[in-house]
């Protein structure tokens, strides 16, 4: 990959660019992986300053909520730049570690179901609407795919550094 996570969209898109949008949102692989984690392991941090597994999962859910809302605006031809957000602020003001892992998984699953429902209602014309994500012009479909690319990035980190 030629981009870093700091580049945002293009880095995450590289994980899923040749995949079908509906099928990657319908995949159960992340949910299956999350269900294999114990409650005890879910509070683990590989370094004291790094997020716990629960916080990573909360971040994935927050990210999908935020980005799907932005995709919704884009799908309705709302002229909006797909701005960034402060993920550290959101984590610092969350209570992910106080929730059970099952509560966090349930929230993630519910957000995913809403995303799938939204995507299933989009036309081909809507999927081809273009907008700006940072300095990159992207189609709505590619923007949606980057949500799953972001997820894959974090799941890879969990697998490599937490287990």
C-alpha atoms as a PDB file:
ATOM      1  CA  UNK A   1       0.000   0.000   0.000  1.00  0.00           C
ATOM      2  CA  UNK A   2       1.283   3.422  -0.844  1.00  0.00           C
ATOM      3  CA  UNK A   3      -0.766   5.298   1.788  1.00  0.00           C
ATOM      4  CA  UNK A   4      -0.620   5.347   5.591  1.00  0.00           C
ATOM      5  CA  UNK A   5      -3.599   5.318   7.989  1.00  0.00           C
ATOM      6  CA  UNK A   6      -3.120   9.083   8.431  1.00  0.00           C
ATOM      7  CA  UNK A   7      -4.076   9.542   4.769  1.00  0.00           C
ATOM      8  CA  UNK A   8      -7.556   8.324   5.661  1.00  0.00           C
ATOM      9  CA  UNK A   9      -9.751   7.318   2.763  1.00  0.00           C
ATOM     10  CA  UNK A  10      -7.234   5.945   0.239  1.00  0.00           C
ATOM     11  CA  UNK A  11      -5.445   3.802   2.830  1.00  0.00           C
ATOM     12  CA  UNK A  12      -8.656   2.158   4.019  1.00  0.00           C
ATOM     13  CA  UNK A  13     -10.074   1.802   0.530  1.00  0.00           C
ATOM     14  CA  UNK A  14      -7.040  -0.259  -0.511  1.00  0.00           C
ATOM     15  CA  UNK A  15      -8.234  -3.066   1.803  1.00  0.00           C
ATOM     16  CA  UNK A  16     -11.498  -3.564  -0.110  1.00  0.00           C
ATOM     17  CA  UNK A  17     -11.303  -1.822  -3.493  1.00  0.00           C
ATOM     18  CA  UNK A  18     -12.025  -4.920  -5.588  1.00  0.00           C
ATOM     19  CA  UNK A  19     -14.854  -6.184  -3.378  1.00  0.00           C
ATOM     20  CA  UNK A  20     -18.635  -5.814  -3.683  1.00  0.00           C
ATOM     21  CA  UNK A  21     -20.040  -3.171  -1.339  1.00  0.00           C
ATOM     22  CA  UNK A  22     -23.106  -5.121  -0.213  1.00  0.00           C
ATOM     23  CA  UNK A  23     -21.197  -8.348   0.368  1.00  0.00           C
ATOM     24  CA  UNK A  24     -18.480  -6.744   2.501  1.00  0.00           C
ATOM     25  CA  UNK A  25     -21.101  -5.122   4.742  1.00  0.00           C
ATOM     26  CA  UNK A  26     -22.946  -8.450   5.011  1.00  0.00           C
ATOM     27  CA  UNK A  27     -19.837 -10.421   5.961  1.00  0.00           C
ATOM     28  CA  UNK A  28     -19.923 -11.973   9.423  1.00  0.00           C
ATOM     29  CA  UNK A  29     -16.143 -12.372   9.792  1.00  0.00           C
ATOM     30  CA  UNK A  30     -15.645  -9.443  12.171  1.00  0.00           C
ATOM     31  CA  UNK A  31     -18.611 -10.449  14.316  1.00  0.00           C
ATOM     32  CA  UNK A  32     -17.357 -14.043  14.471  1.00  0.00           C
ATOM     33  CA  UNK A  33     -13.915 -12.788  15.509  1.00  0.00           C
ATOM     34  CA  UNK A  34     -15.361 -10.461  18.169  1.00  0.00           C
ATOM     35  CA  UNK A  35     -17.481 -13.273  19.614  1.00  0.00           C
ATOM     36  CA  UNK A  36     -14.318 -15.335  20.102  1.00  0.00           C
ATOM     37  CA  UNK A  37     -12.877 -12.774  22.562  1.00  0.00           C
ATOM     38  CA  UNK A  38     -13.387 -13.304  26.281  1.00  0.00           C
ATOM     39  CA  UNK A  39     -14.624 -10.566  28.591  1.00  0.00           C
ATOM     40  CA  UNK A  40     -11.302 -10.742  30.447  1.00  0.00           C
ATOM     41  CA  UNK A  41      -9.293 -10.307  27.255  1.00  0.00           C
ATOM     42  CA  UNK A  42     -11.510  -7.427  26.069  1.00  0.00           C
ATOM     43  CA  UNK A  43      -9.913  -4.964  28.514  1.00  0.00           C
ATOM     44  CA  UNK A  44      -6.370  -5.861  27.392  1.00  0.00           C
ATOM     45  CA  UNK A  45      -4.054  -3.151  26.043  1.00  0.00           C
ATOM     46  CA  UNK A  46      -0.781  -4.144  24.428  1.00  0.00           C
ATOM     47  CA  UNK A  47       0.747  -0.934  25.850  1.00  0.00           C
ATOM     48  CA  UNK A  48      -0.618   1.206  28.698  1.00  0.00           C
ATOM     49  CA  UNK A  49      -1.351   4.164  26.385  1.00  0.00           C
ATOM     50  CA  UNK A  50      -3.113   2.087  23.713  1.00  0.00           C
ATOM     51  CA  UNK A  51      -6.845   1.450  23.510  1.00  0.00           C
ATOM     52  CA  UNK A  52      -8.371  -1.650  25.037  1.00  0.00           C
ATOM     53  CA  UNK A  53     -10.069  -4.138  22.742  1.00  0.00           C
ATOM     54  CA  UNK A  54     -13.416  -2.773  23.990  1.00  0.00           C
ATOM     55  CA  UNK A  55     -12.336   0.741  23.034  1.00  0.00           C
ATOM     56  CA  UNK A  56     -11.275  -0.435  19.569  1.00  0.00           C
ATOM     57  CA  UNK A  57     -14.688  -2.028  19.095  1.00  0.00           C
ATOM     58  CA  UNK A  58     -16.421   1.130  20.326  1.00  0.00           C
ATOM     59  CA  UNK A  59     -14.311   3.161  17.916  1.00  0.00           C
ATOM     60  CA  UNK A  60     -15.312   0.900  15.007  1.00  0.00           C
ATOM     61  CA  UNK A  61     -18.969   1.369  15.900  1.00  0.00           C
ATOM     62  CA  UNK A  62     -18.590   5.151  16.290  1.00  0.00           C
ATOM     63  CA  UNK A  63     -16.747   5.323  12.977  1.00  0.00           C
ATOM     64  CA  UNK A  64     -19.406   3.392  11.088  1.00  0.00           C
ATOM     65  CA  UNK A  65     -22.185   5.522  12.626  1.00  0.00           C
ATOM     66  CA  UNK A  66     -20.461   8.755  11.660  1.00  0.00           C
ATOM     67  CA  UNK A  67     -19.389   7.699   8.198  1.00  0.00           C
ATOM     68  CA  UNK A  68     -22.721   6.130   7.294  1.00  0.00           C
ATOM     69  CA  UNK A  69     -24.475   9.370   8.263  1.00  0.00           C
ATOM     70  CA  UNK A  70     -22.091  11.232   5.972  1.00  0.00           C
ATOM     71  CA  UNK A  71     -22.756   8.680   3.234  1.00  0.00           C
ATOM     72  CA  UNK A  72     -26.477   9.266   3.745  1.00  0.00           C
ATOM     73  CA  UNK A  73     -25.992  13.005   3.152  1.00  0.00           C
ATOM     74  CA  UNK A  74     -23.903  12.279   0.082  1.00  0.00           C
ATOM     75  CA  UNK A  75     -26.541   9.863  -1.266  1.00  0.00           C
ATOM     76  CA  UNK A  76     -29.108  12.667  -1.149  1.00  0.00           C
ATOM     77  CA  UNK A  77     -26.825  14.989  -3.108  1.00  0.00           C
ATOM     78  CA  UNK A  78     -26.181  17.089  -0.038  1.00  0.00           C
ATOM     79  CA  UNK A  79     -23.179  19.211  -0.939  1.00  0.00           C
ATOM     80  CA  UNK A  80     -20.956  18.489   2.017  1.00  0.00           C
ATOM     81  CA  UNK A  81     -17.286  17.799   2.411  1.00  0.00           C
ATOM     82  CA  UNK A  82     -16.856  14.513   4.250  1.00  0.00           C
ATOM     83  CA  UNK A  83     -14.955  16.032   7.151  1.00  0.00           C
ATOM     84  CA  UNK A  84     -12.848  14.244   9.746  1.00  0.00           C
ATOM     85  CA  UNK A  85     -13.530  13.787  13.445  1.00  0.00           C
ATOM     86  CA  UNK A  86     -11.472  13.579  16.623  1.00  0.00           C
ATOM     87  CA  UNK A  87     -11.387   9.874  17.474  1.00  0.00           C
ATOM     88  CA  UNK A  88      -9.364  10.440  20.660  1.00  0.00           C
ATOM     89  CA  UNK A  89     -11.963  12.890  21.965  1.00  0.00           C
ATOM     90  CA  UNK A  90     -14.730  10.381  21.277  1.00  0.00           C
ATOM     91  CA  UNK A  91     -12.861   7.561  23.053  1.00  0.00           C
ATOM     92  CA  UNK A  92     -11.972   9.780  26.025  1.00  0.00           C
ATOM     93  CA  UNK A  93     -15.637  10.713  26.411  1.00  0.00           C
ATOM     94  CA  UNK A  94     -16.991   7.187  26.066  1.00  0.00           C
ATOM     95  CA  UNK A  95     -17.595   4.484  28.619  1.00  0.00           C
ATOM     96  CA  UNK A  96     -16.657   1.514  26.467  1.00  0.00           C
ATOM     97  CA  UNK A  97     -14.546  -0.178  29.153  1.00  0.00           C
ATOM     98  CA  UNK A  98     -17.488   0.013  31.595  1.00  0.00           C
ATOM     99  CA  UNK A  99     -19.784  -1.857  29.195  1.00  0.00           C
ATOM    100  CA  UNK A 100     -19.674  -5.594  28.679  1.00  0.00           C
ATOM    101  CA  UNK A 101     -18.124  -6.914  25.522  1.00  0.00           C
ATOM    102  CA  UNK A 102     -21.522  -8.370  24.593  1.00  0.00           C
ATOM    103  CA  UNK A 103     -23.161  -4.930  24.898  1.00  0.00           C
ATOM    104  CA  UNK A 104     -20.527  -3.492  22.568  1.00  0.00           C
ATOM    105  CA  UNK A 105     -20.901  -6.349  20.077  1.00  0.00           C
ATOM    106  CA  UNK A 106     -24.696  -5.922  20.104  1.00  0.00           C
ATOM    107  CA  UNK A 107     -24.318  -2.203  19.400  1.00  0.00           C
ATOM    108  CA  UNK A 108     -21.867  -2.937  16.574  1.00  0.00           C
ATOM    109  CA  UNK A 109     -24.271  -5.506  15.069  1.00  0.00           C
ATOM    110  CA  UNK A 110     -27.200  -3.068  15.297  1.00  0.00           C
ATOM    111  CA  UNK A 111     -25.230  -0.303  13.583  1.00  0.00           C
ATOM    112  CA  UNK A 112     -24.141  -2.762  10.885  1.00  0.00           C
ATOM    113  CA  UNK A 113     -27.737  -3.846  10.278  1.00  0.00           C
ATOM    114  CA  UNK A 114     -28.708  -0.196   9.822  1.00  0.00           C
ATOM    115  CA  UNK A 115     -25.803   0.285   7.399  1.00  0.00           C
ATOM    116  CA  UNK A 116     -26.825  -2.763   5.367  1.00  0.00           C
ATOM    117  CA  UNK A 117     -30.427  -1.534   5.250  1.00  0.00           C
ATOM    118  CA  UNK A 118     -29.260   1.868   4.018  1.00  0.00           C
ATOM    119  CA  UNK A 119     -26.954   0.384   1.367  1.00  0.00           C
ATOM    120  CA  UNK A 120     -29.621  -2.012   0.081  1.00  0.00           C
ATOM    121  CA  UNK A 121     -31.849   0.981  -0.645  1.00  0.00           C
ATOM    122  CA  UNK A 122     -29.298   2.795  -2.790  1.00  0.00           C
ATOM    123  CA  UNK A 123     -29.526   2.900  -6.571  1.00  0.00           C
ATOM    124  CA  UNK A 124     -26.581   2.474  -8.921  1.00  0.00           C
ATOM    125  CA  UNK A 125     -26.876   6.187  -9.683  1.00  0.00           C
ATOM    126  CA  UNK A 126     -26.578   7.035  -5.987  1.00  0.00           C
ATOM    127  CA  UNK A 127     -23.571   4.745  -5.539  1.00  0.00           C
ATOM    128  CA  UNK A 128     -21.821   6.737  -8.273  1.00  0.00           C
ATOM    129  CA  UNK A 129     -22.418  10.170  -6.728  1.00  0.00           C
ATOM    130  CA  UNK A 130     -19.090  11.886  -6.130  1.00  0.00           C
ATOM    131  CA  UNK A 131     -17.980  13.874  -3.119  1.00  0.00           C
ATOM    132  CA  UNK A 132     -14.831  14.980  -1.343  1.00  0.00           C
ATOM    133  CA  UNK A 133     -13.211  12.968   1.442  1.00  0.00           C
ATOM    134  CA  UNK A 134     -10.373  15.159   2.606  1.00  0.00           C
ATOM    135  CA  UNK A 135      -8.590  16.113  -0.615  1.00  0.00           C
ATOM    136  CA  UNK A 136      -9.796  13.020  -2.519  1.00  0.00           C
ATOM    137  CA  UNK A 137     -12.790  12.919  -4.834  1.00  0.00           C
ATOM    138  CA  UNK A 138     -14.623   9.654  -4.172  1.00  0.00           C
ATOM    139  CA  UNK A 139     -17.804   7.902  -5.208  1.00  0.00           C
ATOM    140  CA  UNK A 140     -20.355   7.074  -2.565  1.00  0.00           C
ATOM    141  CA  UNK A 141     -19.668   3.367  -3.111  1.00  0.00           C
ATOM    142  CA  UNK A 142     -15.944   3.827  -2.530  1.00  0.00           C
ATOM    143  CA  UNK A 143     -16.614   5.953   0.532  1.00  0.00           C
ATOM    144  CA  UNK A 144     -18.829   3.213   1.950  1.00  0.00           C
ATOM    145  CA  UNK A 145     -16.218   0.565   1.193  1.00  0.00           C
ATOM    146  CA  UNK A 146     -13.637   2.579   3.115  1.00  0.00           C
ATOM    147  CA  UNK A 147     -15.729   2.050   6.281  1.00  0.00           C
ATOM    148  CA  UNK A 148     -15.038  -1.674   6.025  1.00  0.00           C
ATOM    149  CA  UNK A 149     -11.415  -1.000   5.040  1.00  0.00           C
ATOM    150  CA  UNK A 150     -11.067   0.975   8.276  1.00  0.00           C
ATOM    151  CA  UNK A 151     -12.583  -1.958  10.157  1.00  0.00           C
ATOM    152  CA  UNK A 152     -10.196  -4.435   8.504  1.00  0.00           C
ATOM    153  CA  UNK A 153      -7.250  -2.200   9.442  1.00  0.00           C
ATOM    154  CA  UNK A 154      -8.226  -2.286  13.121  1.00  0.00           C
ATOM    155  CA  UNK A 155      -9.079  -6.000  13.145  1.00  0.00           C
ATOM    156  CA  UNK A 156      -5.628  -6.694  11.677  1.00  0.00           C
ATOM    157  CA  UNK A 157      -4.063  -4.647  14.480  1.00  0.00           C
ATOM    158  CA  UNK A 158      -6.078  -6.573  17.072  1.00  0.00           C
ATOM    159  CA  UNK A 159      -4.946  -9.889  15.621  1.00  0.00           C
ATOM    160  CA  UNK A 160      -1.294  -8.811  15.326  1.00  0.00           C
ATOM    161  CA  UNK A 161      -0.784  -6.920  18.586  1.00  0.00           C
ATOM    162  CA  UNK A 162      -3.422  -8.096  21.050  1.00  0.00           C
ATOM    163  CA  UNK A 163      -3.310 -11.865  20.499  1.00  0.00           C
END
